[in-house]
Amino acid sequence: MIVEEGQLKGSFKGFKDRDTIYEFFGGRKWRQAEYKYSYHYAYMPRAKVTQEGGRYVLTVEGMGDSVEVCRE
C-alpha cells in the first residue's frame, strides 16, 4: 500500500544511517530506520513510501534498492 508518493526536497545522496532524514514536498519527513549505505546522487528525485506489513519502505527513483523508514 502506498503511504506517500512525490518528490524529495533538495539533493538526495543515497541511503546512509539511522540519522538520515528524507523530506517530501508538502513537508512530511521520514527517518531511515536501518543502517544501509548506498550512494546515489539525484536532485529532487521522485520517491514513494509503501507499507509492507508493519514497516514502511522508501523507494527512490534511480536506486536499485529500498530502505526501511519511520515517520519523523
C-alpha atoms as a PDB file:
ATOM      1  CA  MET A   1       0.000   0.000   0.000  1.00  0.00           C
ATOM      2  CA  ILE A   2       1.402   3.422  -0.984  1.00  0.00           C
ATOM      3  CA  VAL A   3       1.521   5.791   2.000  1.00  0.00           C
ATOM      4  CA  GLU A   4       3.202   8.740   0.272  1.00  0.00           C
ATOM      5  CA  GLU A   5       4.372   9.470  -3.236  1.00  0.00           C
ATOM      6  CA  GLY A   6       6.019  12.545  -4.755  1.00  0.00           C
ATOM      7  CA  GLN A   7       9.355  14.343  -4.920  1.00  0.00           C
ATOM      8  CA  LEU A   8      12.011  14.605  -2.252  1.00  0.00           C
ATOM      9  CA  LYS A   9      13.213  18.124  -1.447  1.00  0.00           C
ATOM     10  CA  GLY A  10      16.693  19.204  -2.491  1.00  0.00           C
ATOM     11  CA  SER A  11      19.691  16.974  -3.071  1.00  0.00           C
ATOM     12  CA  PHE A  12      19.398  13.235  -2.460  1.00  0.00           C
ATOM     13  CA  LYS A  13      22.691  11.469  -1.760  1.00  0.00           C
ATOM     14  CA  GLY A  14      21.523   7.920  -1.208  1.00  0.00           C
ATOM     15  CA  PHE A  15      20.971   5.885   1.921  1.00  0.00           C
ATOM     16  CA  LYS A  16      23.296   6.387   4.888  1.00  0.00           C
ATOM     17  CA  ASP A  17      22.411   5.693   8.514  1.00  0.00           C
ATOM     18  CA  ARG A  18      19.637   5.995  11.082  1.00  0.00           C
ATOM     19  CA  ASP A  19      20.124   9.785  11.366  1.00  0.00           C
ATOM     20  CA  THR A  20      19.282  10.392   7.703  1.00  0.00           C
ATOM     21  CA  ILE A  21      16.062  12.367   7.142  1.00  0.00           C
ATOM     22  CA  TYR A  22      14.174  12.403   3.834  1.00  0.00           C
ATOM     23  CA  GLU A  23      11.683  15.240   3.306  1.00  0.00           C
ATOM     24  CA  PHE A  24       8.944  15.246   0.689  1.00  0.00           C
ATOM     25  CA  PHE A  25       7.472  18.389  -0.861  1.00  0.00           C
ATOM     26  CA  GLY A  26       4.475  19.005   1.338  1.00  0.00           C
ATOM     27  CA  GLY A  27       6.618  18.741   4.445  1.00  0.00           C
ATOM     28  CA  ARG A  28       6.324  15.144   5.620  1.00  0.00           C
ATOM     29  CA  LYS A  29       9.637  13.766   6.865  1.00  0.00           C
ATOM     30  CA  TRP A  30      10.820  10.177   7.147  1.00  0.00           C
ATOM     31  CA  ARG A  31      13.883   8.952   9.028  1.00  0.00           C
ATOM     32  CA  GLN A  32      15.943   5.983   7.884  1.00  0.00           C
ATOM     33  CA  ALA A  33      15.239   3.112  10.304  1.00  0.00           C
ATOM     34  CA  GLU A  34      18.073   0.733   9.404  1.00  0.00           C
ATOM     35  CA  TYR A  35      21.745   1.068   8.578  1.00  0.00           C
ATOM     36  CA  LYS A  36      22.168   0.718   4.843  1.00  0.00           C
ATOM     37  CA  TYR A  37      24.768   2.655   2.854  1.00  0.00           C
ATOM     38  CA  SER A  38      24.241   3.114  -0.850  1.00  0.00           C
ATOM     39  CA  TYR A  39      25.387   6.305  -2.590  1.00  0.00           C
ATOM     40  CA  HIS A  40      23.334   7.800  -5.412  1.00  0.00           C
ATOM     41  CA  TYR A  41      23.121  11.496  -6.245  1.00  0.00           C
ATOM     42  CA  ALA A  42      19.901  12.975  -7.608  1.00  0.00           C
ATOM     43  CA  TYR A  43      18.288  16.392  -7.356  1.00  0.00           C
ATOM     44  CA  MET A  44      14.644  16.271  -6.228  1.00  0.00           C
ATOM     45  CA  PRO A  45      14.063  12.635  -7.271  1.00  0.00           C
ATOM     46  CA  ARG A  46      10.627  11.024  -7.322  1.00  0.00           C
ATOM     47  CA  ALA A  47      10.096   8.674  -4.387  1.00  0.00           C
ATOM     48  CA  LYS A  48       7.426   6.707  -2.577  1.00  0.00           C
ATOM     49  CA  VAL A  49       6.866   5.198   0.836  1.00  0.00           C
ATOM     50  CA  THR A  50       4.954   1.933   0.950  1.00  0.00           C
ATOM     51  CA  GLN A  51       3.666  -0.004   3.916  1.00  0.00           C
ATOM     52  CA  GLU A  52       4.736  -3.645   3.878  1.00  0.00           C
ATOM     53  CA  GLY A  53       3.354  -5.493   6.854  1.00  0.00           C
ATOM     54  CA  GLY A  54       4.226  -3.429   9.917  1.00  0.00           C
ATOM     55  CA  ARG A  55       7.048  -1.462   8.308  1.00  0.00           C
ATOM     56  CA  TYR A  56       7.450   1.472   5.937  1.00  0.00           C
ATOM     57  CA  VAL A  57       9.812   1.244   2.979  1.00  0.00           C
ATOM     58  CA  LEU A  58      11.234   4.154   0.954  1.00  0.00           C
ATOM     59  CA  THR A  59      11.923   3.594  -2.740  1.00  0.00           C
ATOM     60  CA  VAL A  60      13.700   6.354  -4.690  1.00  0.00           C
ATOM     61  CA  GLU A  61      13.748   6.612  -8.482  1.00  0.00           C
ATOM     62  CA  GLY A  62      17.140   5.571  -9.847  1.00  0.00           C
ATOM     63  CA  MET A  63      18.062   3.443  -6.827  1.00  0.00           C
ATOM     64  CA  GLY A  64      18.179  -0.321  -7.275  1.00  0.00           C
ATOM     65  CA  ASP A  65      17.415  -0.812  -3.586  1.00  0.00           C
ATOM     66  CA  SER A  66      14.971   0.452  -0.968  1.00  0.00           C
ATOM     67  CA  VAL A  67      15.319   1.198   2.742  1.00  0.00           C
ATOM     68  CA  GLU A  68      13.133   0.898   5.833  1.00  0.00           C
ATOM     69  CA  VAL A  69      11.976   4.266   7.250  1.00  0.00           C
ATOM     70  CA  CYS A  70       9.789   5.600  10.077  1.00  0.00           C
ATOM     71  CA  ARG A  71       7.810   8.825  10.425  1.00  0.00           C
ATOM     72  CA  GLU A  72       9.832  11.709  11.773  1.00  0.00           C
END
